[in-house]
Amino acid sequence: QLRTRHWVITNQLGNVEEVRGPGVVGETPTLRPGEAFEYTSGAVLETPRGSMHGSYQMDVGGRELDVRIAPFALAMPHSLN
């Protein structure tokens, strides 16, 4: 079961904001092997582009597991043209 999230959001100028909280979009889904959960959310950036990485903290049979999320790019629509 997904318990908490931790995001590190970096804008184009190198300014960093950290976000921590329970679940994602108000949910703490329980996933069985092979199952997936998708959600859509957003981040406020003061620049047209940035990046984001972080982790999910999961409860797996009573054990806490930290699942790392590799960095990925953020871009406002039409900012890459």
PDB file of N, CA and C in Angstrom:
ATOM      1  N   GLN A   1       0.842  -1.182   0.000  1.00  0.00           N
ATOM      2  CA  GLN A   1       0.000   0.000   0.000  1.00  0.00           C
ATOM      3  C   GLN A   1       0.882   1.237   0.000  1.00  0.00           C
ATOM      4  N   LEU A   2       0.531   2.188  -0.848  1.00  0.00           N
ATOM      5  CA  LEU A   2       1.253   3.446  -0.896  1.00  0.00           C
ATOM      6  C   LEU A   2       0.894   4.266   0.338  1.00  0.00           C
ATOM      7  N   ARG A   3       1.879   4.692   1.072  1.00  0.00           N
ATOM      8  CA  ARG A   3       1.643   5.468   2.295  1.00  0.00           C
ATOM      9  C   ARG A   3       1.902   6.957   2.091  1.00  0.00           C
ATOM     10  N   THR A   4       3.116   7.296   1.643  1.00  0.00           N
ATOM     11  CA  THR A   4       3.483   8.708   1.491  1.00  0.00           C
ATOM     12  C   THR A   4       4.284   8.906   0.214  1.00  0.00           C
ATOM     13  N   ARG A   5       4.457  10.182  -0.136  1.00  0.00           N
ATOM     14  CA  ARG A   5       5.261  10.549  -1.297  1.00  0.00           C
ATOM     15  C   ARG A   5       6.259  11.629  -0.897  1.00  0.00           C
ATOM     16  N   HIS A   6       7.340  11.704  -1.632  1.00  0.00           N
ATOM     17  CA  HIS A   6       8.340  12.759  -1.456  1.00  0.00           C
ATOM     18  C   HIS A   6       8.820  13.155  -2.843  1.00  0.00           C
ATOM     19  N   TRP A   7       8.605  14.408  -3.210  1.00  0.00           N
ATOM     20  CA  TRP A   7       9.033  14.914  -4.505  1.00  0.00           C
ATOM     21  C   TRP A   7      10.056  16.024  -4.308  1.00  0.00           C
ATOM     22  N   VAL A   8      11.049  16.066  -5.181  1.00  0.00           N
ATOM     23  CA  VAL A   8      12.019  17.157  -5.242  1.00  0.00           C
ATOM     24  C   VAL A   8      11.843  17.787  -6.622  1.00  0.00           C
ATOM     25  N   ILE A   9      11.361  19.029  -6.637  1.00  0.00           N
ATOM     26  CA  ILE A   9      11.043  19.725  -7.880  1.00  0.00           C
ATOM     27  C   ILE A   9      12.062  20.843  -8.066  1.00  0.00           C
ATOM     28  N   THR A  10      12.733  20.847  -9.214  1.00  0.00           N
ATOM     29  CA  THR A  10      13.769  21.841  -9.496  1.00  0.00           C
ATOM     30  C   THR A  10      13.377  22.613 -10.740  1.00  0.00           C
ATOM     31  N   ASN A  11      13.372  23.953 -10.646  1.00  0.00           N
ATOM     32  CA  ASN A  11      13.025  24.736 -11.823  1.00  0.00           C
ATOM     33  C   ASN A  11      14.277  25.024 -12.649  1.00  0.00           C
ATOM     34  N   GLN A  12      14.094  25.706 -13.755  1.00  0.00           N
ATOM     35  CA  GLN A  12      15.161  25.975 -14.711  1.00  0.00           C
ATOM     36  C   GLN A  12      16.297  26.796 -14.096  1.00  0.00           C
ATOM     37  N   LEU A  13      16.022  27.551 -13.048  1.00  0.00           N
ATOM     38  CA  LEU A  13      17.039  28.374 -12.390  1.00  0.00           C
ATOM     39  C   LEU A  13      17.770  27.623 -11.288  1.00  0.00           C
ATOM     40  N   GLY A  14      17.372  26.376 -11.053  1.00  0.00           N
ATOM     41  CA  GLY A  14      18.009  25.581 -10.008  1.00  0.00           C
ATOM     42  C   GLY A  14      17.353  25.707  -8.648  1.00  0.00           C
ATOM     43  N   ASN A  15      16.250  26.449  -8.554  1.00  0.00           N
ATOM     44  CA  ASN A  15      15.522  26.561  -7.285  1.00  0.00           C
ATOM     45  C   ASN A  15      14.800  25.249  -7.003  1.00  0.00           C
ATOM     46  N   VAL A  16      14.898  24.788  -5.760  1.00  0.00           N
ATOM     47  CA  VAL A  16      14.362  23.478  -5.384  1.00  0.00           C
ATOM     48  C   VAL A  16      13.215  23.626  -4.394  1.00  0.00           C
ATOM     49  N   GLU A  17      12.161  22.853  -4.615  1.00  0.00           N
ATOM     50  CA  GLU A  17      11.043  22.765  -3.671  1.00  0.00           C
ATOM     51  C   GLU A  17      10.807  21.289  -3.375  1.00  0.00           C
ATOM     52  N   GLU A  18      10.648  20.964  -2.107  1.00  0.00           N
ATOM     53  CA  GLU A  18      10.349  19.584  -1.715  1.00  0.00           C
ATOM     54  C   GLU A  18       8.901  19.492  -1.274  1.00  0.00           C
ATOM     55  N   VAL A  19       8.246  18.425  -1.690  1.00  0.00           N
ATOM     56  CA  VAL A  19       6.847  18.185  -1.345  1.00  0.00           C
ATOM     57  C   VAL A  19       6.748  16.807  -0.709  1.00  0.00           C
ATOM     58  N   ARG A  20       6.151  16.748   0.468  1.00  0.00           N
ATOM     59  CA  ARG A  20       5.925  15.481   1.172  1.00  0.00           C
ATOM     60  C   ARG A  20       4.468  15.430   1.599  1.00  0.00           C
ATOM     61  N   GLY A  21       3.905  14.238   1.607  1.00  0.00           N
ATOM     62  CA  GLY A  21       2.537  14.121   2.071  1.00  0.00           C
ATOM     63  C   GLY A  21       2.024  12.704   1.972  1.00  0.00           C
ATOM     64  N   PRO A  22       0.843  12.488   2.527  1.00  0.00           N
ATOM     65  CA  PRO A  22       0.239  11.153   2.469  1.00  0.00           C
ATOM     66  C   PRO A  22      -0.290  10.847   1.073  1.00  0.00           C
ATOM     67  N   GLY A  23      -0.085   9.623   0.633  1.00  0.00           N
ATOM     68  CA  GLY A  23      -0.666   9.156  -0.621  1.00  0.00           C
ATOM     69  C   GLY A  23      -0.398  10.044  -1.814  1.00  0.00           C
ATOM     70  N   VAL A  24      -1.227   9.876  -2.835  1.00  0.00           N
ATOM     71  CA  VAL A  24      -1.188  10.704  -4.039  1.00  0.00           C
ATOM     72  C   VAL A  24      -2.619  11.055  -4.407  1.00  0.00           C
ATOM     73  N   VAL A  25      -2.854  12.278  -4.764  1.00  0.00           N
ATOM     74  CA  VAL A  25      -4.182  12.798  -5.123  1.00  0.00           C
ATOM     75  C   VAL A  25      -5.280  12.281  -4.185  1.00  0.00           C
ATOM     76  N   GLY A  26      -4.978  12.270  -2.891  1.00  0.00           N
ATOM     77  CA  GLY A  26      -5.962  11.863  -1.895  1.00  0.00           C
ATOM     78  C   GLY A  26      -6.178  10.368  -1.764  1.00  0.00           C
ATOM     79  N   GLU A  27      -5.359   9.566  -2.413  1.00  0.00           N
ATOM     80  CA  GLU A  27      -5.534   8.113  -2.367  1.00  0.00           C
ATOM     81  C   GLU A  27      -4.275   7.420  -1.853  1.00  0.00           C
ATOM     82  N   THR A  28      -4.477   6.278  -1.222  1.00  0.00           N
ATOM     83  CA  THR A  28      -3.377   5.415  -0.775  1.00  0.00           C
ATOM     84  C   THR A  28      -3.657   4.003  -1.296  1.00  0.00           C
ATOM     85  N   PRO A  29      -3.456   3.804  -2.602  1.00  0.00           N
ATOM     86  CA  PRO A  29      -3.839   2.532  -3.217  1.00  0.00           C
ATOM     87  C   PRO A  29      -3.023   1.345  -2.713  1.00  0.00           C
ATOM     88  N   THR A  30      -3.678   0.203  -2.664  1.00  0.00           N
ATOM     89  CA  THR A  30      -3.020  -1.069  -2.381  1.00  0.00           C
ATOM     90  C   THR A  30      -2.898  -1.809  -3.704  1.00  0.00           C
ATOM     91  N   LEU A  31      -1.680  -2.205  -4.047  1.00  0.00           N
ATOM     92  CA  LEU A  31      -1.427  -2.875  -5.321  1.00  0.00           C
ATOM     93  C   LEU A  31      -0.950  -4.297  -5.094  1.00  0.00           C
ATOM     94  N   ARG A  32      -1.493  -5.204  -5.847  1.00  0.00           N
ATOM     95  CA  ARG A  32      -1.033  -6.594  -5.834  1.00  0.00           C
ATOM     96  C   ARG A  32      -0.027  -6.758  -6.975  1.00  0.00           C
ATOM     97  N   PRO A  33       0.794  -7.808  -6.930  1.00  0.00           N
ATOM     98  CA  PRO A  33       1.764  -8.017  -8.015  1.00  0.00           C
ATOM     99  C   PRO A  33       1.093  -7.963  -9.384  1.00  0.00           C
ATOM    100  N   GLY A  34       1.679  -7.189 -10.281  1.00  0.00           N
ATOM    101  CA  GLY A  34       1.162  -7.056 -11.634  1.00  0.00           C
ATOM    102  C   GLY A  34       0.125  -5.966 -11.808  1.00  0.00           C
ATOM    103  N   GLU A  35      -0.391  -5.407 -10.720  1.00  0.00           N
ATOM    104  CA  GLU A  35      -1.389  -4.342 -10.816  1.00  0.00           C
ATOM    105  C   GLU A  35      -0.701  -2.992 -11.006  1.00  0.00           C
ATOM    106  N   ALA A  36      -1.461  -2.053 -11.551  1.00  0.00           N
ATOM    107  CA  ALA A  36      -0.951  -0.704 -11.784  1.00  0.00           C
ATOM    108  C   ALA A  36      -1.932   0.316 -11.229  1.00  0.00           C
ATOM    109  N   PHE A  37      -1.426   1.496 -10.959  1.00  0.00           N
ATOM    110  CA  PHE A  37      -2.247   2.621 -10.525  1.00  0.00           C
ATOM    111  C   PHE A  37      -1.726   3.845 -11.260  1.00  0.00           C
ATOM    112  N   GLU A  38      -2.610   4.564 -11.928  1.00  0.00           N
ATOM    113  CA  GLU A  38      -2.223   5.772 -12.648  1.00  0.00           C
ATOM    114  C   GLU A  38      -2.955   6.960 -12.064  1.00  0.00           C
ATOM    115  N   TYR A  39      -2.276   8.103 -12.066  1.00  0.00           N
ATOM    116  CA  TYR A  39      -2.920   9.335 -11.627  1.00  0.00           C
ATOM    117  C   TYR A  39      -2.298  10.508 -12.358  1.00  0.00           C
ATOM    118  N   THR A  40      -3.005  11.614 -12.347  1.00  0.00           N
ATOM    119  CA  THR A  40      -2.519  12.840 -12.966  1.00  0.00           C
ATOM    120  C   THR A  40      -2.488  13.919 -11.906  1.00  0.00           C
ATOM    121  N   SER A  41      -1.411  14.665 -11.898  1.00  0.00           N
ATOM    122  CA  SER A  41      -1.259  15.758 -10.952  1.00  0.00           C
ATOM    123  C   SER A  41      -0.452  16.852 -11.636  1.00  0.00           C
ATOM    124  N   GLY A  42      -0.100  17.878 -10.919  1.00  0.00           N
ATOM    125  CA  GLY A  42       0.672  18.973 -11.496  1.00  0.00           C
ATOM    126  C   GLY A  42       1.645  19.545 -10.493  1.00  0.00           C
ATOM    127  N   ALA A  43       2.518  20.391 -10.987  1.00  0.00           N
ATOM    128  CA  ALA A  43       3.490  21.076 -10.142  1.00  0.00           C
ATOM    129  C   ALA A  43       3.576  22.521 -10.607  1.00  0.00           C
ATOM    130  N   VAL A  44       3.717  23.440  -9.670  1.00  0.00           N
ATOM    131  CA  VAL A  44       3.839  24.852 -10.001  1.00  0.00           C
ATOM    132  C   VAL A  44       5.315  25.173 -10.214  1.00  0.00           C
ATOM    133  N   LEU A  45       5.640  25.685 -11.399  1.00  0.00           N
ATOM    134  CA  LEU A  45       7.006  26.099 -11.718  1.00  0.00           C
ATOM    135  C   LEU A  45       7.008  27.582 -12.043  1.00  0.00           C
ATOM    136  N   GLU A  46       8.062  28.273 -11.637  1.00  0.00           N
ATOM    137  CA  GLU A  46       8.195  29.693 -11.970  1.00  0.00           C
ATOM    138  C   GLU A  46       8.931  29.885 -13.289  1.00  0.00           C
ATOM    139  N   THR A  47       9.380  28.791 -13.890  1.00  0.00           N
ATOM    140  CA  THR A  47      10.082  28.831 -15.171  1.00  0.00           C
ATOM    141  C   THR A  47       9.394  27.855 -16.125  1.00  0.00           C
ATOM    142  N   PRO A  48       9.626  28.004 -17.433  1.00  0.00           N
ATOM    143  CA  PRO A  48       8.944  27.127 -18.390  1.00  0.00           C
ATOM    144  C   PRO A  48       9.322  25.653 -18.287  1.00  0.00           C
ATOM    145  N   ARG A  49      10.513  25.375 -17.754  1.00  0.00           N
ATOM    146  CA  ARG A  49      10.970  23.990 -17.677  1.00  0.00           C
ATOM    147  C   ARG A  49      11.595  23.691 -16.325  1.00  0.00           C
ATOM    148  N   GLY A  50      11.714  22.403 -16.036  1.00  0.00           N
ATOM    149  CA  GLY A  50      12.342  21.965 -14.798  1.00  0.00           C
ATOM    150  C   GLY A  50      12.447  20.453 -14.783  1.00  0.00           C
ATOM    151  N   SER A  51      12.669  19.911 -13.601  1.00  0.00           N
ATOM    152  CA  SER A  51      12.731  18.455 -13.462  1.00  0.00           C
ATOM    153  C   SER A  51      12.184  18.057 -12.101  1.00  0.00           C
ATOM    154  N   MET A  52      11.958  16.776 -11.959  1.00  0.00           N
ATOM    155  CA  MET A  52      11.333  16.269 -10.742  1.00  0.00           C
ATOM    156  C   MET A  52      11.824  14.850 -10.498  1.00  0.00           C
ATOM    157  N   HIS A  53      12.079  14.514  -9.256  1.00  0.00           N
ATOM    158  CA  HIS A  53      12.382  13.136  -8.863  1.00  0.00           C
ATOM    159  C   HIS A  53      11.912  12.958  -7.432  1.00  0.00           C
ATOM    160  N   GLY A  54      11.909  11.731  -6.958  1.00  0.00           N
ATOM    161  CA  GLY A  54      11.450  11.525  -5.595  1.00  0.00           C
ATOM    162  C   GLY A  54      11.307  10.070  -5.242  1.00  0.00           C
ATOM    163  N   SER A  55      10.326   9.805  -4.374  1.00  0.00           N
ATOM    164  CA  SER A  55      10.106   8.428  -3.936  1.00  0.00           C
ATOM    165  C   SER A  55       8.695   8.267  -3.389  1.00  0.00           C
ATOM    166  N   TYR A  56       8.258   7.021  -3.411  1.00  0.00           N
ATOM    167  CA  TYR A  56       7.021   6.621  -2.745  1.00  0.00           C
ATOM    168  C   TYR A  56       7.415   5.724  -1.588  1.00  0.00           C
ATOM    169  N   GLN A  57       6.745   5.876  -0.471  1.00  0.00           N
ATOM    170  CA  GLN A  57       6.966   4.998   0.670  1.00  0.00           C
ATOM    171  C   GLN A  57       5.785   4.032   0.716  1.00  0.00           C
ATOM    172  N   MET A  58       6.109   2.754   0.601  1.00  0.00           N
ATOM    173  CA  MET A  58       5.100   1.705   0.518  1.00  0.00           C
ATOM    174  C   MET A  58       5.140   0.832   1.764  1.00  0.00           C
ATOM    175  N   ASP A  59       3.988   0.301   2.146  1.00  0.00           N
ATOM    176  CA  ASP A  59       3.893  -0.709   3.199  1.00  0.00           C
ATOM    177  C   ASP A  59       3.708  -2.046   2.489  1.00  0.00           C
ATOM    178  N   VAL A  60       4.698  -2.913   2.630  1.00  0.00           N
ATOM    179  CA  VAL A  60       4.659  -4.223   1.978  1.00  0.00           C
ATOM    180  C   VAL A  60       4.684  -5.284   3.065  1.00  0.00           C
ATOM    181  N   GLY A  61       3.517  -5.808   3.399  1.00  0.00           N
ATOM    182  CA  GLY A  61       3.431  -6.841   4.428  1.00  0.00           C
ATOM    183  C   GLY A  61       3.964  -6.397   5.775  1.00  0.00           C
ATOM    184  N   GLY A  62       3.726  -5.146   6.128  1.00  0.00           N
ATOM    185  CA  GLY A  62       4.191  -4.628   7.412  1.00  0.00           C
ATOM    186  C   GLY A  62       5.599  -4.054   7.384  1.00  0.00           C
ATOM    187  N   ARG A  63       6.284  -4.197   6.267  1.00  0.00           N
ATOM    188  CA  ARG A  63       7.624  -3.619   6.111  1.00  0.00           C
ATOM    189  C   ARG A  63       7.532  -2.348   5.290  1.00  0.00           C
ATOM    190  N   GLU A  64       8.331  -1.346   5.643  1.00  0.00           N
ATOM    191  CA  GLU A  64       8.357  -0.106   4.879  1.00  0.00           C
ATOM    192  C   GLU A  64       9.378  -0.223   3.750  1.00  0.00           C
ATOM    193  N   LEU A  65       8.954   0.136   2.548  1.00  0.00           N
ATOM    194  CA  LEU A  65       9.812   0.058   1.374  1.00  0.00           C
ATOM    195  C   LEU A  65       9.838   1.424   0.706  1.00  0.00           C
ATOM    196  N   ASP A  66      11.035   1.935   0.421  1.00  0.00           N
ATOM    197  CA  ASP A  66      11.207   3.220  -0.243  1.00  0.00           C
ATOM    198  C   ASP A  66      11.436   2.956  -1.730  1.00  0.00           C
ATOM    199  N   VAL A  67      10.501   3.388  -2.579  1.00  0.00           N
ATOM    200  CA  VAL A  67      10.585   3.163  -4.019  1.00  0.00           C
ATOM    201  C   VAL A  67      11.028   4.466  -4.679  1.00  0.00           C
ATOM    202  N   ARG A  68      12.237   4.465  -5.213  1.00  0.00           N
ATOM    203  CA  ARG A  68      12.781   5.679  -5.827  1.00  0.00           C
ATOM    204  C   ARG A  68      12.215   5.906  -7.221  1.00  0.00           C
ATOM    205  N   ILE A  69      12.010   7.180  -7.545  1.00  0.00           N
ATOM    206  CA  ILE A  69      11.505   7.573  -8.853  1.00  0.00           C
ATOM    207  C   ILE A  69      12.587   8.410  -9.523  1.00  0.00           C
ATOM    208  N   ALA A  70      13.071   7.940 -10.662  1.00  0.00           N
ATOM    209  CA  ALA A  70      14.159   8.604 -11.384  1.00  0.00           C
ATOM    210  C   ALA A  70      13.725   9.993 -11.859  1.00  0.00           C
ATOM    211  N   PRO A  71      14.679  10.893 -12.037  1.00  0.00           N
ATOM    212  CA  PRO A  71      14.346  12.239 -12.527  1.00  0.00           C
ATOM    213  C   PRO A  71      13.649  12.193 -13.888  1.00  0.00           C
ATOM    214  N   PHE A  72      12.708  13.120 -14.062  1.00  0.00           N
ATOM    215  CA  PHE A  72      12.062  13.280 -15.363  1.00  0.00           C
ATOM    216  C   PHE A  72      11.827  14.759 -15.604  1.00  0.00           C
ATOM    217  N   ALA A  73      11.705  15.127 -16.878  1.00  0.00           N
ATOM    218  CA  ALA A  73      11.581  16.528 -17.270  1.00  0.00           C
ATOM    219  C   ALA A  73      10.163  17.042 -17.079  1.00  0.00           C
ATOM    220  N   LEU A  74      10.073  18.316 -16.752  1.00  0.00           N
ATOM    221  CA  LEU A  74       8.800  19.032 -16.690  1.00  0.00           C
ATOM    222  C   LEU A  74       8.878  20.167 -17.708  1.00  0.00           C
ATOM    223  N   ALA A  75       7.813  20.387 -18.455  1.00  0.00           N
ATOM    224  CA  ALA A  75       7.795  21.473 -19.430  1.00  0.00           C
ATOM    225  C   ALA A  75       6.375  21.979 -19.605  1.00  0.00           C
ATOM    226  N   MET A  76       6.245  23.305 -19.614  1.00  0.00           N
ATOM    227  CA  MET A  76       4.945  23.901 -19.895  1.00  0.00           C
ATOM    228  C   MET A  76       4.620  23.650 -21.367  1.00  0.00           C
ATOM    229  N   PRO A  77       3.343  23.529 -21.704  1.00  0.00           N
ATOM    230  CA  PRO A  77       2.980  23.314 -23.110  1.00  0.00           C
ATOM    231  C   PRO A  77       3.617  24.374 -24.012  1.00  0.00           C
ATOM    232  N   HIS A  78       4.135  23.949 -25.129  1.00  0.00           N
ATOM    233  CA  HIS A  78       4.728  24.806 -26.162  1.00  0.00           C
ATOM    234  C   HIS A  78       6.052  25.441 -25.749  1.00  0.00           C
ATOM    235  N   SER A  79       6.626  25.076 -24.591  1.00  0.00           N
ATOM    236  CA  SER A  79       7.895  25.683 -24.176  1.00  0.00           C
ATOM    237  C   SER A  79       9.097  25.009 -24.823  1.00  0.00           C
ATOM    238  N   LEU A  80       8.892  23.874 -25.473  1.00  0.00           N
ATOM    239  CA  LEU A  80      10.001  23.170 -26.108  1.00  0.00           C
ATOM    240  C   LEU A  80      10.176  23.571 -27.566  1.00  0.00           C
ATOM    241  N   ASN A  81       9.269  24.374 -28.104  1.00  0.00           N
ATOM    242  CA  ASN A  81       9.356  24.803 -29.512  1.00  0.00           C
ATOM    243  C   ASN A  81      10.113  26.098 -29.620  1.00  0.00           C
TER     244      ASN A  81
END
